[in-house]
Protein backbone atom coordinates (compact mmCIF):
# COMPACT_ATOMS: atom_id res chain seq x y z
CA MET A 1 0.07 0.00 -0.10
CA ALA A 2 1.77 3.23 -1.10
CA SER A 3 1.96 5.90 1.63
CA THR A 4 1.33 9.81 0.77
CA PRO A 5 3.86 11.39 -0.63
CA ASP A 6 5.88 13.65 1.51
CA PRO A 7 6.92 16.48 -0.54
CA THR A 8 8.70 18.13 2.63
CA SER A 9 10.65 15.28 3.22
CA ASP A 10 14.30 16.18 2.63
CA PRO A 11 16.61 12.97 2.38
CA THR A 12 19.28 14.97 0.98
CA ALA A 13 19.91 16.91 4.25
CA PRO A 14 23.80 17.71 5.01
CA PRO A 15 25.21 17.17 6.92
CA ALA A 16 28.08 16.63 6.27
CA ALA A 17 27.62 13.56 7.58
CA PRO A 18 24.63 11.09 7.67
CA PRO A 19 22.55 9.84 10.31
CA THR A 20 23.77 7.31 12.87
CA PRO A 21 22.78 3.72 11.71
CA PRO A 22 20.59 1.57 14.38
CA VAL A 23 22.52 -1.41 15.69
CA PRO A 24 20.58 -4.78 14.60
CA LEU A 25 19.51 -6.85 17.36
CA THR A 26 21.38 -9.76 16.15
CA ALA A 27 24.76 -7.87 16.71
CA LEU A 28 23.62 -7.74 20.27
CA LEU A 29 22.70 -11.34 20.67
CA ALA A 30 26.18 -11.98 19.06
CA HIS A 31 28.08 -9.91 21.45
CA GLU A 32 29.76 -12.51 23.55
CA GLU A 33 30.74 -10.25 26.59
CA LEU A 34 27.04 -9.59 26.93
CA GLY A 35 25.89 -13.08 26.79
CA LEU A 36 22.24 -11.97 25.84
CA ARG A 37 19.77 -14.64 24.85
CA GLN A 38 16.58 -14.11 23.14
CA ILE A 39 13.86 -16.17 24.80
CA ALA A 40 10.81 -15.04 23.28
CA GLY A 41 9.17 -13.03 19.97
CA PRO A 42 10.15 -13.15 16.35
CA ASP A 43 13.44 -14.04 15.24
CA ALA A 44 15.64 -11.27 15.35
CA ALA A 45 17.47 -12.46 12.33
CA ARG A 46 14.31 -13.15 10.29
CA THR A 47 12.41 -9.76 11.26
CA GLY A 48 15.60 -7.53 11.19
CA ALA A 49 14.44 -5.57 14.39
CA VAL A 50 17.01 -2.86 15.30
CA VAL A 51 17.83 -1.01 18.49
CA HIS A 52 18.07 3.11 17.94
CA TRP A 53 19.11 3.51 21.78
CA VAL A 54 18.98 2.23 25.32
CA HIS A 55 16.86 3.23 28.02
CA THR A 56 16.15 1.50 31.58
CA SER A 57 12.97 1.44 33.27
CA GLU A 58 11.38 -0.04 36.31
CA MET A 59 7.86 1.65 35.79
CA ALA A 60 4.87 -0.94 35.59
CA ASP A 61 4.05 1.42 32.30
CA PRO A 62 6.73 2.97 30.56
CA TYR A 63 5.00 3.82 27.89
CA PRO A 64 5.09 7.64 28.28
CA TYR A 65 8.32 7.77 28.60
CA LEU A 66 9.21 5.77 25.37
CA LEU A 67 10.00 7.22 21.95
CA GLY A 68 10.18 4.24 20.00
CA GLY A 69 12.98 1.92 18.90
CA GLU A 70 14.52 1.56 22.46
CA LEU A 71 15.88 -1.87 23.98
CA LEU A 72 14.23 -1.47 27.08
CA LEU A 73 15.80 -2.67 30.28
CA THR A 74 14.38 -3.98 33.44
CA ALA A 75 15.06 -6.10 36.54
CA GLY A 76 11.27 -6.52 37.17
CA VAL A 77 11.31 -4.86 40.37
CA HIS A 78 7.63 -3.99 39.26
CA VAL A 79 6.82 -7.53 38.16
CA PRO A 80 4.22 -9.07 40.63
CA ALA A 81 5.17 -12.22 41.80
CA ALA A 82 3.79 -15.37 39.62
CA ASP A 83 0.77 -16.25 42.20
CA ALA A 84 -0.11 -12.78 42.78
CA ASP A 85 -4.08 -11.97 41.82
CA GLY A 86 -4.09 -10.64 37.82
CA ALA A 87 -0.20 -11.27 37.64
CA ALA A 88 -0.74 -12.61 34.08
CA ASP A 89 -3.19 -9.75 32.98
CA ARG A 90 -0.75 -7.14 34.45
CA LEU A 91 2.33 -8.55 32.19
CA ASP A 92 0.25 -8.84 29.27
CA THR A 93 -0.64 -4.99 29.53
CA TYR A 94 3.08 -4.28 30.05
CA ALA A 95 4.17 -6.04 27.02
CA ALA A 96 1.38 -4.47 25.05
CA ARG A 97 2.15 -0.95 26.14
CA ILE A 98 5.89 -1.68 25.08
CA VAL A 99 4.77 -2.68 21.53
CA ALA A 100 2.53 0.18 21.29
CA ALA A 101 5.30 2.62 22.32
CA GLY A 102 7.37 1.27 19.39
CA GLY A 103 9.90 -0.58 21.65
CA ALA A 104 12.10 -2.67 19.75
CA ALA A 105 12.83 -5.28 22.37
CA LEU A 106 12.53 -5.82 26.15
CA GLY A 107 16.04 -7.07 28.13
CA PHE A 108 15.03 -8.58 31.63
CA GLY A 109 17.67 -8.63 34.03
CA VAL A 110 18.35 -12.10 35.93
CA ALA A 111 18.83 -11.29 39.72
CA PRO A 112 18.87 -9.95 42.29
CA VAL A 113 14.89 -9.58 41.92
CA HIS A 114 14.20 -12.68 39.81
CA ASP A 115 16.03 -15.82 39.56
CA THR A 116 14.34 -16.47 36.36
CA VAL A 117 12.32 -14.58 33.48
CA PRO A 118 8.89 -15.19 34.68
CA ARG A 119 7.16 -17.32 32.91
CA ALA A 120 3.70 -14.86 32.21
CA LEU A 121 6.15 -12.59 30.77
CA VAL A 122 7.70 -14.66 28.30
CA ASP A 123 4.33 -15.76 27.27
CA ALA A 124 2.84 -12.34 26.80
CA CYS A 125 5.86 -11.20 24.70
CA GLU A 126 5.41 -14.25 22.28
CA ARG A 127 1.65 -13.18 22.29
CA HIS A 128 2.26 -9.54 21.39
CA GLY A 129 5.22 -10.02 19.05
CA LEU A 130 7.92 -8.54 21.34
CA PRO A 131 11.65 -9.73 21.65
CA LEU A 132 12.26 -10.67 25.06
CA LEU A 133 16.10 -11.18 25.97
CA GLU A 134 17.37 -12.75 29.05
CA VAL A 135 19.81 -10.75 30.38
CA PRO A 136 22.71 -12.78 32.53
CA PRO A 137 23.65 -11.83 36.13
CA ARG A 138 27.28 -10.98 35.00
CA THR A 139 25.83 -8.41 32.58
CA THR A 140 25.46 -4.71 33.59
CA PHE A 141 22.59 -2.55 32.07
CA SER A 142 25.29 -0.04 31.56
CA GLY A 143 27.81 -2.22 29.73
CA ILE A 144 24.52 -3.31 27.52
CA ALA A 145 24.28 0.53 26.77
CA ARG A 146 28.03 1.02 26.14
CA ALA A 147 27.79 -2.00 23.45
CA VAL A 148 25.11 -0.36 21.78
CA TRP A 149 26.83 3.25 21.77
CA GLN A 150 30.07 1.37 20.60
CA LEU A 151 28.35 -0.62 17.65
CA MET A 152 26.67 2.70 16.70
CA ALA A 153 30.04 4.52 16.60
CA GLU A 154 31.52 1.62 14.42
CA ALA A 155 28.29 1.31 11.84
CA ARG A 156 28.45 5.16 11.78
CA HIS A 157 32.22 5.15 10.75
CA ALA A 158 31.78 2.61 8.59
CA GLU A 159 28.71 4.66 6.53
CA LEU A 160 30.85 7.64 6.58
CA ARG A 161 33.87 5.58 4.77
CA ARG A 162 30.89 4.33 2.28
CA VAL A 163 29.78 7.42 1.77
CA ALA A 164 32.85 9.39 1.34
CA GLN A 165 34.22 6.43 -1.54
CA ALA A 166 30.80 6.66 -3.38
CA GLN A 167 31.03 10.23 -3.56
CA GLN A 168 34.37 10.06 -5.03
CA GLY A 169 32.65 7.52 -7.87
CA LEU A 170 30.14 9.76 -8.64
CA ALA A 171 32.34 12.82 -9.04
CA ALA A 172 34.87 10.19 -11.35
CA ALA A 173 31.73 9.22 -13.25
CA ALA A 174 30.56 12.71 -13.79
CA SER A 175 34.07 13.46 -15.35
CA ARG A 176 33.69 10.69 -17.61
CA PRO A 177 33.11 11.00 -21.50
CA ASP A 178 29.64 9.98 -21.31
CA PRO A 179 28.80 11.58 -17.70
CA VAL A 180 25.26 11.23 -17.11
CA PRO A 181 24.63 7.45 -17.99
CA ALA A 182 27.84 6.80 -16.15
CA LEU A 183 26.66 8.96 -13.28
CA LEU A 184 23.35 6.97 -13.22
CA ARG A 185 25.18 3.56 -13.51
CA GLN A 186 27.32 4.81 -10.49
CA LEU A 187 24.36 5.87 -8.54
CA ALA A 188 22.08 2.78 -9.06
CA ALA A 189 24.94 0.53 -8.17
CA ARG A 190 25.78 2.69 -5.17
CA LEU A 191 22.43 2.33 -3.78
CA GLY A 192 21.53 -1.22 -5.11
CA GLY A 193 18.31 0.07 -7.18
CA TYR A 194 17.34 2.17 -10.10
CA ALA A 195 18.42 5.43 -10.81
CA ALA A 196 17.10 7.89 -13.90
CA LEU A 197 17.01 10.77 -15.32
CA TYR A 198 13.24 12.51 -16.39
CA GLY A 199 12.72 14.47 -18.89
CA ALA A 200 10.54 18.06 -18.51
CA ASP A 201 7.64 15.60 -19.82
CA GLY A 202 7.89 13.51 -16.74
CA THR A 203 9.28 10.46 -18.82
CA PRO A 204 12.47 8.72 -18.08
CA THR A 205 15.14 10.01 -20.69
CA GLN A 206 17.98 7.68 -19.43
CA SER A 207 18.44 5.22 -16.48
CA ALA A 208 20.50 2.79 -14.88
CA GLY A 209 19.97 -0.46 -12.36
CA THR A 210 17.09 -2.72 -12.50
CA PRO A 211 13.42 -0.81 -12.70
CA PRO A 212 10.75 -1.13 -9.94
CA GLU A 213 7.37 -2.93 -10.86
CA PRO A 214 5.07 -0.95 -12.54
CA GLY A 215 3.31 0.39 -9.70
CA ALA A 216 6.20 1.61 -7.82
CA GLY A 217 7.39 2.99 -11.26
CA ALA A 218 4.36 5.27 -11.76
CA ALA A 219 4.64 6.24 -8.41
CA LEU A 220 8.10 7.62 -9.06
CA GLY A 221 6.81 9.17 -11.82
CA ARG A 222 4.18 10.80 -9.75
CA LEU A 223 6.74 12.27 -7.20
CA VAL A 224 8.79 13.53 -10.28
CA GLY A 225 5.52 15.52 -10.75
CA VAL A 226 5.59 16.88 -7.63
CA VAL A 227 8.96 18.59 -7.76
CA ASN A 228 8.29 19.47 -11.53
CA PRO A 229 4.95 20.42 -10.92
CA GLY A 230 5.21 22.00 -14.57
CA GLY A 231 5.97 18.81 -16.46
CA ALA A 232 3.15 16.48 -17.81
CA GLN A 233 3.18 14.43 -14.42
CA GLY A 234 2.80 17.67 -12.63
CA GLY A 235 0.27 19.70 -14.60
CA ARG A 236 -2.84 18.16 -12.50
CA GLN A 237 -1.11 18.98 -9.21
CA ALA A 238 0.30 22.35 -10.19
CA GLU A 239 -3.76 23.37 -11.20
CA ARG A 240 -4.53 22.21 -7.44
CA ALA A 241 -1.74 23.50 -5.58
CA PRO A 242 0.14 26.62 -7.23
CA ARG A 243 2.55 26.57 -4.29
CA PRO A 244 6.21 26.24 -5.02
CA ALA A 245 7.61 22.95 -5.60
CA PRO A 246 9.77 21.21 -3.23
CA ALA A 247 13.45 20.28 -3.92
CA SER A 248 12.68 16.88 -3.32
CA ALA A 249 9.68 14.24 -2.20
CA THR A 250 9.54 10.68 -1.22
CA ASP A 251 7.21 7.71 -1.21
CA THR A 252 7.23 3.96 -0.23
CA VAL A 253 5.24 1.79 -2.36
CA THR A 254 4.94 -1.92 -1.94
CA GLY A 255 8.12 -1.89 0.09
CA THR A 256 10.03 0.05 -2.59
CA HIS A 257 11.78 3.51 -1.48
CA LEU A 258 11.04 6.31 -3.85
CA THR A 259 12.57 9.58 -4.00
CA ALA A 260 12.26 12.56 -6.64
CA TYR A 261 15.29 15.46 -7.04
CA ALA A 262 14.33 18.20 -8.92
CA LEU A 263 17.62 19.20 -10.80
CA ALA A 264 18.90 22.89 -10.04
CA GLY A 265 18.83 25.25 -13.23
CA ALA A 266 17.85 22.24 -15.50
CA HIS A 267 14.38 23.44 -16.67
CA GLY A 268 12.47 20.60 -15.62
CA LEU A 269 14.49 17.87 -15.27
CA ALA A 270 14.32 15.73 -12.24
CA LEU A 271 16.25 12.87 -10.99
CA GLY A 272 14.35 9.75 -9.61
CA VAL A 273 15.42 7.00 -7.53
CA ALA A 274 13.98 3.54 -6.19
CA THR A 275 15.55 1.21 -3.78
CA ARG A 276 14.64 -1.80 -2.00
CA GLN A 277 16.54 -0.55 1.33
CA ARG A 278 17.38 2.62 2.43
CA GLU A 279 20.51 3.14 4.38
CA PRO A 280 21.34 6.25 6.37
CA GLY A 281 23.75 7.69 4.18
CA ASP A 282 22.02 7.23 0.85
CA HIS A 283 19.82 10.39 0.94
CA THR A 284 23.49 12.14 0.91
CA LEU A 285 24.73 10.12 -2.12
CA ALA A 286 21.46 10.72 -4.15
CA GLY A 287 21.76 14.49 -3.26
CA VAL A 288 25.56 14.46 -4.73
CA ALA A 289 24.36 12.86 -7.64
CA ALA A 290 21.43 15.63 -8.19
CA VAL A 291 23.98 18.33 -7.72
CA LEU A 292 26.26 16.86 -10.25
CA LEU A 293 23.32 16.13 -12.88
CA SER A 294 22.34 19.81 -12.36
CA LEU A 295 25.84 20.81 -13.57
CA LEU A 296 25.83 18.22 -16.19
CA THR A 297 22.63 18.98 -17.79
CA ALA A 298 22.78 22.54 -17.45
CA PRO A 299 21.16 24.00 -21.04
CA HIS A 300 22.55 25.68 -24.02
CA GLN A 301 25.81 24.17 -23.22
CA GLY A 302 28.49 24.93 -26.11
CA ALA A 303 32.15 23.82 -26.26
CA ALA A 304 33.10 26.56 -24.26
CA GLU A 305 30.48 26.04 -21.43
CA SER A 306 30.96 22.12 -21.37
CA ALA A 307 34.60 23.02 -21.08
CA ARG A 308 33.93 24.90 -18.17
CA SER A 309 31.82 22.35 -16.79
CA ALA A 310 34.53 19.90 -17.12
CA ALA A 311 36.65 22.09 -14.86
CA LEU A 312 34.20 22.58 -12.23
CA VAL A 313 33.95 18.70 -11.94
CA ARG A 314 37.39 18.57 -11.62
CA LEU A 315 37.43 20.92 -8.77
CA LEU A 316 35.07 18.45 -7.32
CA LEU A 317 37.42 15.80 -7.63
CA GLY A 318 40.20 17.66 -6.14
CA ALA A 319 42.17 19.36 -8.86
CA ALA A 320 44.31 22.65 -7.92
CA PRO A 321 42.34 25.35 -9.19
CA GLU A 322 45.47 26.45 -11.11
CA ASP A 323 45.34 23.17 -13.11
CA VAL A 324 41.71 23.90 -14.47
CA THR A 325 42.58 28.06 -14.89
CA PRO A 326 42.92 27.75 -18.64
CA LEU A 327 39.43 25.85 -18.45
CA LEU A 328 37.45 28.29 -16.19
CA GLY A 329 38.74 31.24 -18.19
CA ALA A 330 39.54 34.55 -16.61
CA ASP A 331 36.11 35.06 -14.95
CA ARG A 332 36.08 35.98 -11.37
CA TRP A 333 34.21 33.66 -8.85
CA THR A 334 32.82 33.95 -5.38
CA VAL A 335 33.31 31.04 -2.84
CA VAL A 336 30.17 30.44 -0.74
CA HIS A 337 30.51 28.45 2.37
CA ALA A 338 27.04 27.08 4.07
CA ARG A 339 25.79 25.18 7.08
CA VAL A 340 22.30 24.69 8.33
CA ARG A 341 21.37 26.62 10.86
CA ARG A 342 20.27 23.82 14.07
CA GLY A 343 16.59 24.46 15.07
CA ASP A 344 15.76 26.83 12.12
CA HIS A 345 13.81 24.49 10.66
CA GLU A 346 10.22 22.75 11.31
CA ARG A 347 10.69 19.37 10.05
CA THR A 348 13.61 18.48 7.63
CA PRO A 349 16.59 20.77 7.25
CA PRO A 350 17.21 22.28 3.83
CA THR A 351 19.34 20.65 1.03
CA PRO A 352 22.70 21.48 -0.90
CA ALA A 353 20.36 20.76 -3.88
CA SER A 354 17.89 23.45 -2.56
CA LEU A 355 20.74 25.83 -1.39
CA ALA A 356 22.45 25.55 -5.15
CA ALA A 357 18.84 25.98 -6.64
CA ALA A 358 18.16 29.38 -4.81
CA LEU A 359 21.52 30.63 -5.41
CA ASP A 360 21.62 29.73 -9.11
CA SER A 361 24.39 28.00 -8.74
CA VAL A 362 24.92 24.36 -10.26
CA LEU A 363 28.21 23.50 -7.92
CA ALA A 364 27.38 22.44 -4.26
CA ASP A 365 30.53 20.73 -3.07
CA GLU A 366 29.95 19.08 0.93
CA GLY A 367 33.10 19.91 3.04
CA ARG A 368 35.75 19.82 0.21
CA GLY A 369 38.56 22.72 0.28
CA ALA A 370 39.71 24.23 -3.18
CA ASP A 371 43.03 22.15 -2.55
CA GLY A 372 40.20 19.29 -2.55
CA GLY A 373 40.64 18.48 1.27
CA ARG A 374 37.93 19.42 3.94
CA ALA A 375 37.37 23.00 4.03
CA ASP A 376 37.99 22.67 7.69
CA GLU A 377 39.86 19.62 8.08
CA GLY A 378 43.19 20.05 10.63
CA ARG A 379 46.42 18.61 9.72
CA ALA A 380 47.08 15.43 11.15
CA ASP A 381 50.85 16.31 11.64
CA ASP A 382 49.75 19.34 13.79
CA PRO A 383 49.28 17.84 17.42
CA ALA A 384 47.14 21.11 18.37
CA ARG A 385 45.26 21.19 15.77
CA ALA A 386 44.48 17.36 15.65
CA GLY A 387 43.32 18.46 19.07
CA ASP A 388 40.33 19.81 18.61
CA GLU A 389 39.77 21.45 15.14
CA GLY A 390 40.77 18.26 13.55
CA ARG A 391 37.74 16.57 15.29
CA ALA A 392 35.43 18.58 13.43
CA GLY A 393 32.38 16.30 11.94
CA ASP A 394 33.23 13.41 14.70
CA ASP A 395 31.27 15.25 16.95
CA GLY A 396 27.93 15.47 15.40
CA ALA A 397 28.96 19.14 13.71
CA ALA A 398 28.20 19.10 10.02
CA ARG A 399 30.44 20.03 7.51
CA PRO A 400 29.73 22.99 5.28
CA VAL A 401 28.47 22.96 2.02
CA ARG A 402 30.71 24.96 -0.77
CA LEU A 403 29.34 26.53 -3.58
CA LEU A 404 31.13 28.52 -6.42
CA LEU A 405 29.52 31.43 -8.00
CA PRO A 406 30.14 33.93 -10.95
CA ALA A 407 31.48 37.48 -9.20
CA ASP A 408 28.77 39.38 -10.78
CA ARG A 409 26.20 37.27 -8.84
CA GLU A 410 25.28 38.98 -5.35
CA PRO A 411 24.58 36.07 -3.09
CA ALA A 412 21.44 36.74 -0.32
CA PRO A 413 20.44 35.18 3.03
CA GLN A 414 18.98 32.07 2.90
CA THR A 415 15.92 30.62 5.13
CA GLY A 416 17.75 27.97 7.23
CA TRP A 417 21.21 28.48 6.05
CA THR A 418 24.36 30.46 7.75
CA LEU A 419 26.48 31.81 4.73
CA GLY A 420 30.03 32.88 4.46
CA VAL A 421 30.76 34.78 1.20
CA SER A 422 34.50 35.33 -0.17
CA ALA A 423 35.79 38.67 -2.15
CA PRO A 424 35.52 37.87 -5.88
CA ALA A 425 38.75 35.86 -7.04
CA GLY A 426 40.28 34.45 -10.14
CA ALA A 427 40.43 30.70 -10.42
CA GLU A 428 44.22 31.24 -8.84
CA GLY A 429 43.15 33.16 -6.03
CA LEU A 430 40.31 30.53 -5.30
CA PRO A 431 42.40 29.06 -2.20
CA ALA A 432 42.42 32.22 -0.76
CA ALA A 433 38.83 32.97 -1.35
CA ASP A 434 37.99 29.50 -0.13
CA ALA A 435 39.88 30.55 3.36
CA GLN A 436 38.07 33.83 3.39
CA ALA A 437 34.49 31.99 3.02
CA ALA A 438 35.37 29.66 5.65
CA ARG A 439 36.46 32.31 8.25
CA ALA A 440 33.14 34.25 7.05
CA LEU A 441 31.42 31.42 8.02
CA ARG A 442 32.96 30.98 11.51
CA ARG A 443 32.04 34.82 11.97
CA ALA A 444 28.43 34.57 11.08
CA GLU A 445 27.81 31.58 13.02
CA ALA A 446 29.27 33.00 16.20
CA THR A 447 27.33 36.52 15.56
CA ARG A 448 23.93 34.48 14.96
CA VAL A 449 23.70 36.33 11.87
CA PRO A 450 22.38 34.87 8.37
CA LEU A 451 25.04 36.25 6.09
CA VAL A 452 28.89 37.66 6.36
CA ARG A 453 30.76 38.95 3.44
CA HIS A 454 34.56 38.92 3.45
CA ARG A 455 35.50 42.69 2.88
CA GLU A 456 38.66 44.30 2.14
CA THR A 457 39.54 46.90 4.58
CA GLY A 458 40.09 50.88 3.54
CA LEU A 459 43.50 50.70 5.35
CA ALA A 460 44.41 48.17 3.27
CA GLY A 461 43.97 50.10 0.15
CA LEU A 462 46.35 53.03 1.46
CA VAL A 463 49.39 50.51 1.43
CA ALA A 464 51.05 48.92 -1.61
CA PRO A 465 50.62 44.96 -1.42
CA ALA A 466 54.11 44.20 -1.36
CA GLU A 467 55.30 46.28 1.74
CA ALA A 468 51.87 45.20 3.42
CA ASP A 469 52.89 41.34 3.04
CA ALA A 470 56.20 41.58 3.86
CA HIS A 471 55.43 43.82 7.46
CA ALA A 472 52.58 40.88 7.98
CA ARG A 473 55.58 38.35 7.76
CA THR A 474 57.88 40.09 10.14
CA LEU A 475 55.48 40.87 12.38
CA LEU A 476 53.76 37.33 12.53
CA ALA A 477 57.18 35.52 11.94
CA PRO A 478 57.14 34.43 15.73
CA LEU A 479 53.82 32.28 15.20
CA GLY A 480 55.72 30.13 12.50
CA ASP A 481 53.73 27.96 10.65
CA ASN A 482 51.47 27.06 13.61
CA GLY A 483 48.23 27.49 11.68
CA PRO A 484 45.91 27.07 14.70
CA LEU A 485 47.44 29.62 16.75
CA ALA A 486 47.01 32.36 13.76
CA GLU A 487 43.47 31.29 12.90
CA THR A 488 42.03 31.36 16.31
CA LEU A 489 44.07 34.71 17.14
CA ARG A 490 42.26 36.24 14.19
CA THR A 491 38.99 35.08 15.15
CA TRP A 492 39.56 36.03 18.44
CA LEU A 493 40.22 39.82 17.34
CA SER A 494 37.24 39.55 14.58
CA LEU A 495 34.88 38.92 17.82
CA HIS A 496 36.45 41.55 19.29
CA GLY A 497 37.97 39.33 22.31
CA SER A 498 34.97 37.42 23.56
CA TRP A 499 36.39 34.04 24.46
CA ASP A 500 32.83 32.06 24.13
CA ARG A 501 32.01 33.63 20.79
CA THR A 502 35.72 32.60 19.52
CA ALA A 503 34.94 29.07 21.02
CA ALA A 504 31.69 28.88 19.17
CA ALA A 505 33.10 29.64 16.04
CA LEU A 506 36.00 27.44 16.12
CA THR A 507 34.39 24.67 17.84
CA VAL A 508 36.79 24.34 20.61
CA HIS A 509 36.77 24.56 24.63
CA ARG A 510 36.75 28.02 25.76
CA ASN A 511 39.85 27.62 27.86
CA THR A 512 41.73 26.19 24.25
CA VAL A 513 41.22 29.56 23.11
CA ARG A 514 42.57 31.30 26.14
CA GLN A 515 45.62 28.82 26.25
CA ARG A 516 46.17 29.87 22.30
CA ILE A 517 45.80 33.80 22.85
CA THR A 518 48.27 33.63 25.68
CA ARG A 519 50.14 31.69 23.77
CA CYS A 520 50.41 34.23 20.80
CA ALA A 521 50.90 37.11 23.26
CA THR A 522 53.92 35.54 24.68
CA LEU A 523 55.50 34.59 20.90
CA LEU A 524 54.63 37.65 19.62
CA ASP A 525 55.95 39.82 23.11
CA ALA A 526 52.65 42.06 22.87
CA ASN A 527 49.85 43.51 24.88
CA LEU A 528 46.80 41.78 23.10
CA ASP A 529 44.45 44.21 25.28
CA ASP A 530 46.15 47.42 23.50
CA PRO A 531 43.67 48.64 20.73
CA ASP A 532 46.67 49.88 18.64
CA VAL A 533 48.36 46.32 18.88
CA ARG A 534 45.22 44.67 17.89
CA MET A 535 44.79 46.70 14.85
CA GLU A 536 48.15 46.35 13.58
CA LEU A 537 47.70 42.56 14.14
CA TRP A 538 44.28 42.29 12.17
CA PHE A 539 45.87 44.28 9.34
CA ALA A 540 48.90 41.71 9.20
CA LEU A 541 46.71 38.79 9.65
CA GLY A 542 44.59 40.08 6.71
CA ARG A 543 47.54 40.04 4.78
CA ARG A 544 49.17 36.56 5.83
CA GLY A 545 49.58 34.26 2.92
CA GLY A 546 47.79 36.82 0.45
CA GLU A 547 44.44 36.20 1.64
CA GLY A 548 43.63 39.60 2.75
C-alpha cells in the first residue's frame, strides 16, 4: 500500500555526515561479552529488528517515557509474583504497552530480584511479538548501553567511509566522456537500486539499474510531478496547488523506497531513485548525484561551457585550481560556505541541492576545500590542530557546503542556512577565497547572523600590497607555521576578544582559546589588550599568505 508522498521530506539534508545507523538486534545477541539470549518474540534475524537507543525503567507502565526503537531494560522490580492476583493480565498489558510505544525489544535482568524470567512475561512477549532478551547476572545494564553506543559508532564510521568512497565514484563518473549515463550507473550500483533522469515531460530519458515494478514505477513518476509541477506528471497537481514546488519528495510503495529530486537550473529535469532498502547515507549520495546532474545538464552548453563544466567537476575531484584555470577562463568567482542553522527548520533541514537552486549555482561541494581537502579539516601532523579542529565532524557538527558563483552574482541570505561569502577572485585565487569564505562562515555563526561577506578594509588600500605583505610576515614570524594559533588569533580579534564566541566559531573549548591567545601574546611579545596592537595584528593577519 502506497503512503502519501511527503514533499517536505528531505533525504538530501547535509550534514556533512549521514545519520547514525541503528544497531541490529542480532549484533547484540552475537556480542559474546554480553551473553544475551532471546527467549521470546519473533526471530531477530528474520525480522531485521534494530535498536536505536537503550532505556532503563522499572515503571509498571513505561509507555509515556518511550520514543520508539528502544531496547528497554528492567530488573523486574515492578513485576508481581507469579501467584499474585492478576499477575498474568498485568504483564500482558505491560508487554502490549511497550509494543504500542514502538519499543524494539525488552531485556530482563536475572538477579537480584528474579532468579528466572517470569513465565507469564515470556508468554506475553510471545503473544504480542515483542523480542524478549534474558540478561545474565554478570552483565550490567550500563555495559549493554556501552556496547550499543560502540556498535553505533562503528556503524557510523563505516557508513561515513562508504559515503566518502561513493561520492568519489560519483564525481569520477561525472568526469567521464559519457557523464550522465555513467553517473546514473554509478548511483544505481551504489544504492543497489534504480536511478533515472526524467525529462520535462515527466518520462525517463536515461536510466540505470533494475526498474521497479510497474506500480512503484508509476508512483515514482508521480513524485517527479511533485518536484516538477510544470511537467506532464505534475500539471494537474500544479493546478490544484499553486504553491512553490519542493526540491525533493519521497514515498514508499509495496516496500520500494522512492525519491525524486528537482535539478537546479535544468528546466524541468529531475532525478528519480527507487531502492528496496535505504541506508542512512543514501540520501547524501542521491543529493550529490542531483547536484552533479544539475551541472551536467545545464541548458545551452556550447564547447566553452562544456569545458567549464568539466573544470568544475575536476574541482569536485580535488584538482588544484591552477590546473583548471585555462578551462575556467579569466572570469572571477565568489566562494560561498554554508551550513544548516540548527533548530531553524520545523521538520527537515534544507538540502545542498535546494541551496544551489536558490543561489542559481550548479556547483555544491559538501565540505571539500579548494585544494581537494576538507575545508575545515586540521593537519594530521599538527598536534594542536589535531586536538580540536581536527575533530570537526566527529562530534556531530555538519561539514559546510561549498558553492562557486560568478562574481557578478550577489548571494542573498537563505532560510535555514548560515552563509560565509568570499571576495571575488580569479581561478588562481580560489584557495585564498575559500579560506575567506570559511572565516566569514565562522564569524556569521559566532555572531548569529545569516550571512557575512569578506570585505577588504579601507586601510589595506592605502598600503602597497608588497609592503603590507612584508610587514605582515615580519610581525607574525614568531607564530611560525602554527595555523591554529594564527586562526584563533584572527577569530578572537574579529569577535572583539570574546572567549565564548571565539570558542563557538572554532568549535573548541573556551579554555583552548585562552591558552592559544596567551601563547600568541607570549610569542609576539605583545600586549593584546592594547587597541593599537590589536589593529596592527588584524591588518597583518589579513595580509598573511596573501589572503587579505
